[in-house]
């Protein structure tokens, strides 16, 4: 998906299409879970779950951008 998207030159706000907005909410929730998980674990350096949560939020970000791309909706640029 990332290969067909135009490169980011600005930060973007969550939004665009309704589907993209839902994916941005899912991403925010995954980041919240990651922070909560880190507060409960002792070994943050070798924990595969932390890496998973981080990759999940990256994936959801790309999915949100891709959904806007499919819907022919512009990303909401931070100005």
N, C-alpha and C. Protein backbone atom coordinates (compact mmCIF):
# COMPACT_ATOMS: atom_id res chain seq x y z
N UNK A 1 0.82 -1.19 0.00
CA UNK A 1 0.00 0.00 0.00
C UNK A 1 0.86 1.25 0.00
N UNK A 2 1.92 1.22 0.80
CA UNK A 2 2.77 2.41 0.92
C UNK A 2 3.44 2.74 -0.41
N UNK A 3 3.67 1.74 -1.24
CA UNK A 3 4.33 1.95 -2.51
C UNK A 3 3.53 2.76 -3.51
N UNK A 4 2.21 2.73 -3.41
CA UNK A 4 1.38 3.47 -4.36
C UNK A 4 0.99 4.85 -3.83
N UNK A 5 1.22 5.10 -2.56
CA UNK A 5 0.86 6.39 -1.97
C UNK A 5 1.90 7.45 -2.31
N UNK A 6 1.46 8.68 -2.49
CA UNK A 6 2.43 9.75 -2.68
C UNK A 6 3.23 9.97 -1.40
N UNK A 7 4.50 10.31 -1.50
CA UNK A 7 5.30 10.50 -0.29
C UNK A 7 4.76 11.64 0.57
N UNK A 8 4.89 11.49 1.87
CA UNK A 8 4.46 12.54 2.79
C UNK A 8 5.48 13.66 2.81
N UNK A 9 5.00 14.88 2.64
CA UNK A 9 5.88 16.05 2.72
C UNK A 9 5.46 16.94 3.88
N UNK A 10 4.31 16.63 4.48
CA UNK A 10 3.79 17.37 5.62
C UNK A 10 3.25 16.37 6.64
N UNK A 11 3.08 16.82 7.86
CA UNK A 11 2.35 16.03 8.82
C UNK A 11 0.88 16.09 8.42
N UNK A 12 0.12 15.06 8.79
CA UNK A 12 -1.30 15.08 8.47
C UNK A 12 -2.13 14.93 9.74
N UNK A 13 -3.33 15.51 9.69
CA UNK A 13 -4.31 15.33 10.75
C UNK A 13 -5.10 14.07 10.45
N UNK A 14 -5.60 13.40 11.48
CA UNK A 14 -6.49 12.27 11.22
C UNK A 14 -7.74 12.77 10.51
N UNK A 15 -8.17 12.06 9.52
CA UNK A 15 -9.40 12.46 8.84
C UNK A 15 -9.39 12.12 7.39
N UNK A 16 -10.25 12.78 6.67
CA UNK A 16 -10.45 12.49 5.26
C UNK A 16 -11.77 11.77 5.11
N UNK A 17 -11.74 10.58 4.54
CA UNK A 17 -12.96 9.79 4.38
C UNK A 17 -13.38 9.22 5.73
N UNK A 18 -14.62 8.77 5.82
CA UNK A 18 -15.12 8.20 7.08
C UNK A 18 -14.35 6.92 7.42
N UNK A 19 -14.01 6.14 6.40
CA UNK A 19 -13.26 4.90 6.63
C UNK A 19 -11.86 5.21 7.16
N UNK A 20 -11.24 6.21 6.57
CA UNK A 20 -9.92 6.62 7.03
C UNK A 20 -9.98 7.14 8.47
N UNK A 21 -11.03 7.88 8.77
CA UNK A 21 -11.19 8.40 10.13
C UNK A 21 -11.31 7.27 11.14
N UNK A 22 -12.04 6.22 10.78
CA UNK A 22 -12.16 5.06 11.67
C UNK A 22 -10.81 4.38 11.87
N UNK A 23 -10.03 4.29 10.80
CA UNK A 23 -8.69 3.69 10.92
C UNK A 23 -7.78 4.55 11.80
N UNK A 24 -7.90 5.86 11.72
CA UNK A 24 -7.12 6.74 12.59
C UNK A 24 -7.52 6.55 14.06
N UNK A 25 -8.81 6.34 14.31
CA UNK A 25 -9.26 6.07 15.68
C UNK A 25 -8.67 4.74 16.17
N UNK A 26 -8.70 3.73 15.31
CA UNK A 26 -8.10 2.43 15.67
C UNK A 26 -6.62 2.59 15.97
N UNK A 27 -5.95 3.41 15.20
CA UNK A 27 -4.52 3.67 15.43
C UNK A 27 -4.31 4.34 16.78
N UNK A 28 -5.13 5.32 17.11
CA UNK A 28 -5.01 6.00 18.40
C UNK A 28 -5.24 5.02 19.55
N UNK A 29 -6.19 4.10 19.38
CA UNK A 29 -6.44 3.10 20.41
C UNK A 29 -5.25 2.16 20.55
N UNK A 30 -4.66 1.75 19.43
CA UNK A 30 -3.49 0.86 19.51
C UNK A 30 -2.31 1.55 20.19
N UNK A 31 -2.16 2.85 19.95
CA UNK A 31 -1.09 3.60 20.64
C UNK A 31 -1.36 3.68 22.14
N UNK A 32 -2.63 3.86 22.50
CA UNK A 32 -3.00 3.90 23.91
C UNK A 32 -2.72 2.55 24.59
N UNK A 33 -3.05 1.46 23.90
CA UNK A 33 -2.77 0.12 24.43
C UNK A 33 -1.27 -0.06 24.60
N UNK A 34 -0.50 0.39 23.63
CA UNK A 34 0.96 0.29 23.72
C UNK A 34 1.49 1.03 24.95
N UNK A 35 1.03 2.25 25.17
CA UNK A 35 1.49 3.01 26.34
C UNK A 35 1.07 2.35 27.64
N UNK A 36 -0.16 1.84 27.69
CA UNK A 36 -0.65 1.17 28.89
C UNK A 36 0.15 -0.10 29.15
N UNK A 37 0.42 -0.86 28.09
CA UNK A 37 1.19 -2.09 28.23
C UNK A 37 2.59 -1.79 28.76
N UNK A 38 3.23 -0.76 28.23
CA UNK A 38 4.56 -0.38 28.68
C UNK A 38 4.56 -0.04 30.16
N UNK A 39 3.49 0.59 30.64
CA UNK A 39 3.43 0.95 32.06
C UNK A 39 3.30 -0.28 32.96
N UNK A 40 2.87 -1.42 32.40
CA UNK A 40 2.71 -2.64 33.20
C UNK A 40 3.86 -3.63 33.08
N UNK A 41 4.74 -3.46 32.12
CA UNK A 41 5.80 -4.44 31.91
C UNK A 41 7.13 -3.91 32.44
N UNK A 42 8.02 -4.84 32.75
CA UNK A 42 9.34 -4.47 33.26
C UNK A 42 10.41 -4.49 32.19
N UNK A 43 10.32 -5.43 31.26
CA UNK A 43 11.35 -5.60 30.24
C UNK A 43 10.89 -5.01 28.92
N UNK A 44 11.03 -3.69 28.77
CA UNK A 44 10.54 -3.03 27.57
C UNK A 44 11.46 -3.23 26.37
N UNK A 45 12.73 -3.53 26.62
CA UNK A 45 13.68 -3.62 25.51
C UNK A 45 13.53 -4.90 24.69
N UNK A 46 13.18 -6.01 25.34
CA UNK A 46 13.11 -7.30 24.64
C UNK A 46 11.69 -7.80 24.46
N UNK A 47 10.71 -6.96 24.61
CA UNK A 47 9.32 -7.39 24.57
C UNK A 47 8.76 -7.30 23.15
N UNK A 48 8.41 -8.44 22.60
CA UNK A 48 7.87 -8.49 21.23
C UNK A 48 6.50 -7.84 21.14
N UNK A 49 5.75 -7.83 22.23
CA UNK A 49 4.43 -7.21 22.21
C UNK A 49 4.51 -5.71 21.94
N UNK A 50 5.50 -5.04 22.50
CA UNK A 50 5.67 -3.61 22.29
C UNK A 50 5.98 -3.35 20.82
N UNK A 51 6.84 -4.17 20.24
CA UNK A 51 7.15 -4.03 18.82
C UNK A 51 5.91 -4.25 17.97
N UNK A 52 5.09 -5.24 18.37
CA UNK A 52 3.86 -5.51 17.64
C UNK A 52 2.92 -4.31 17.68
N UNK A 53 2.68 -3.76 18.87
CA UNK A 53 1.78 -2.61 19.00
C UNK A 53 2.29 -1.43 18.17
N UNK A 54 3.60 -1.23 18.16
CA UNK A 54 4.17 -0.13 17.39
C UNK A 54 3.98 -0.35 15.89
N UNK A 55 4.24 -1.56 15.42
CA UNK A 55 4.05 -1.88 14.00
C UNK A 55 2.57 -1.81 13.62
N UNK A 56 1.70 -2.22 14.55
CA UNK A 56 0.26 -2.15 14.29
C UNK A 56 -0.18 -0.71 14.06
N UNK A 57 0.30 0.21 14.88
CA UNK A 57 -0.10 1.61 14.70
C UNK A 57 0.46 2.16 13.39
N UNK A 58 1.67 1.76 13.00
CA UNK A 58 2.22 2.16 11.70
C UNK A 58 1.36 1.62 10.55
N UNK A 59 0.98 0.36 10.67
CA UNK A 59 0.15 -0.27 9.64
C UNK A 59 -1.19 0.45 9.50
N UNK A 60 -1.82 0.75 10.63
CA UNK A 60 -3.12 1.43 10.60
C UNK A 60 -3.00 2.83 10.00
N UNK A 61 -1.87 3.51 10.23
CA UNK A 61 -1.63 4.82 9.63
C UNK A 61 -1.58 4.72 8.11
N UNK A 62 -0.84 3.72 7.62
CA UNK A 62 -0.74 3.53 6.17
C UNK A 62 -2.10 3.12 5.60
N UNK A 63 -2.83 2.27 6.32
CA UNK A 63 -4.17 1.88 5.87
C UNK A 63 -5.09 3.09 5.76
N UNK A 64 -5.01 4.00 6.72
CA UNK A 64 -5.84 5.20 6.69
C UNK A 64 -5.50 6.06 5.48
N UNK A 65 -4.22 6.23 5.22
CA UNK A 65 -3.81 7.01 4.05
C UNK A 65 -4.25 6.31 2.76
N UNK A 66 -4.11 5.00 2.72
CA UNK A 66 -4.48 4.23 1.54
C UNK A 66 -5.99 4.31 1.29
N UNK A 67 -6.77 4.28 2.36
CA UNK A 67 -8.22 4.39 2.21
C UNK A 67 -8.59 5.73 1.58
N UNK A 68 -7.93 6.81 2.05
CA UNK A 68 -8.17 8.12 1.42
C UNK A 68 -7.79 8.10 -0.05
N UNK A 69 -6.70 7.42 -0.35
CA UNK A 69 -6.23 7.29 -1.74
C UNK A 69 -7.29 6.58 -2.59
N UNK A 70 -7.83 5.47 -2.06
CA UNK A 70 -8.85 4.72 -2.79
C UNK A 70 -10.13 5.52 -2.97
N UNK A 71 -10.47 6.30 -1.95
CA UNK A 71 -11.69 7.11 -2.00
C UNK A 71 -11.50 8.44 -2.73
N UNK A 72 -10.27 8.64 -3.21
CA UNK A 72 -9.91 9.90 -3.90
C UNK A 72 -10.19 11.13 -3.02
N UNK A 73 -9.82 10.96 -1.74
CA UNK A 73 -9.96 12.03 -0.74
C UNK A 73 -8.57 12.46 -0.29
N UNK A 74 -8.34 13.74 -0.24
CA UNK A 74 -7.04 14.24 0.19
C UNK A 74 -6.85 14.02 1.68
N UNK A 75 -5.58 13.75 2.07
CA UNK A 75 -5.24 13.74 3.49
C UNK A 75 -5.39 15.16 4.02
N UNK A 76 -5.69 15.28 5.30
CA UNK A 76 -5.85 16.60 5.92
C UNK A 76 -4.47 17.05 6.38
N UNK A 77 -3.88 17.99 5.66
CA UNK A 77 -2.51 18.41 5.93
C UNK A 77 -2.44 19.37 7.11
N UNK A 78 -1.41 19.21 7.90
CA UNK A 78 -1.11 20.16 8.97
C UNK A 78 -0.39 21.32 8.34
N UNK A 79 -0.89 22.52 8.57
CA UNK A 79 -0.30 23.69 7.93
C UNK A 79 0.45 24.54 8.92
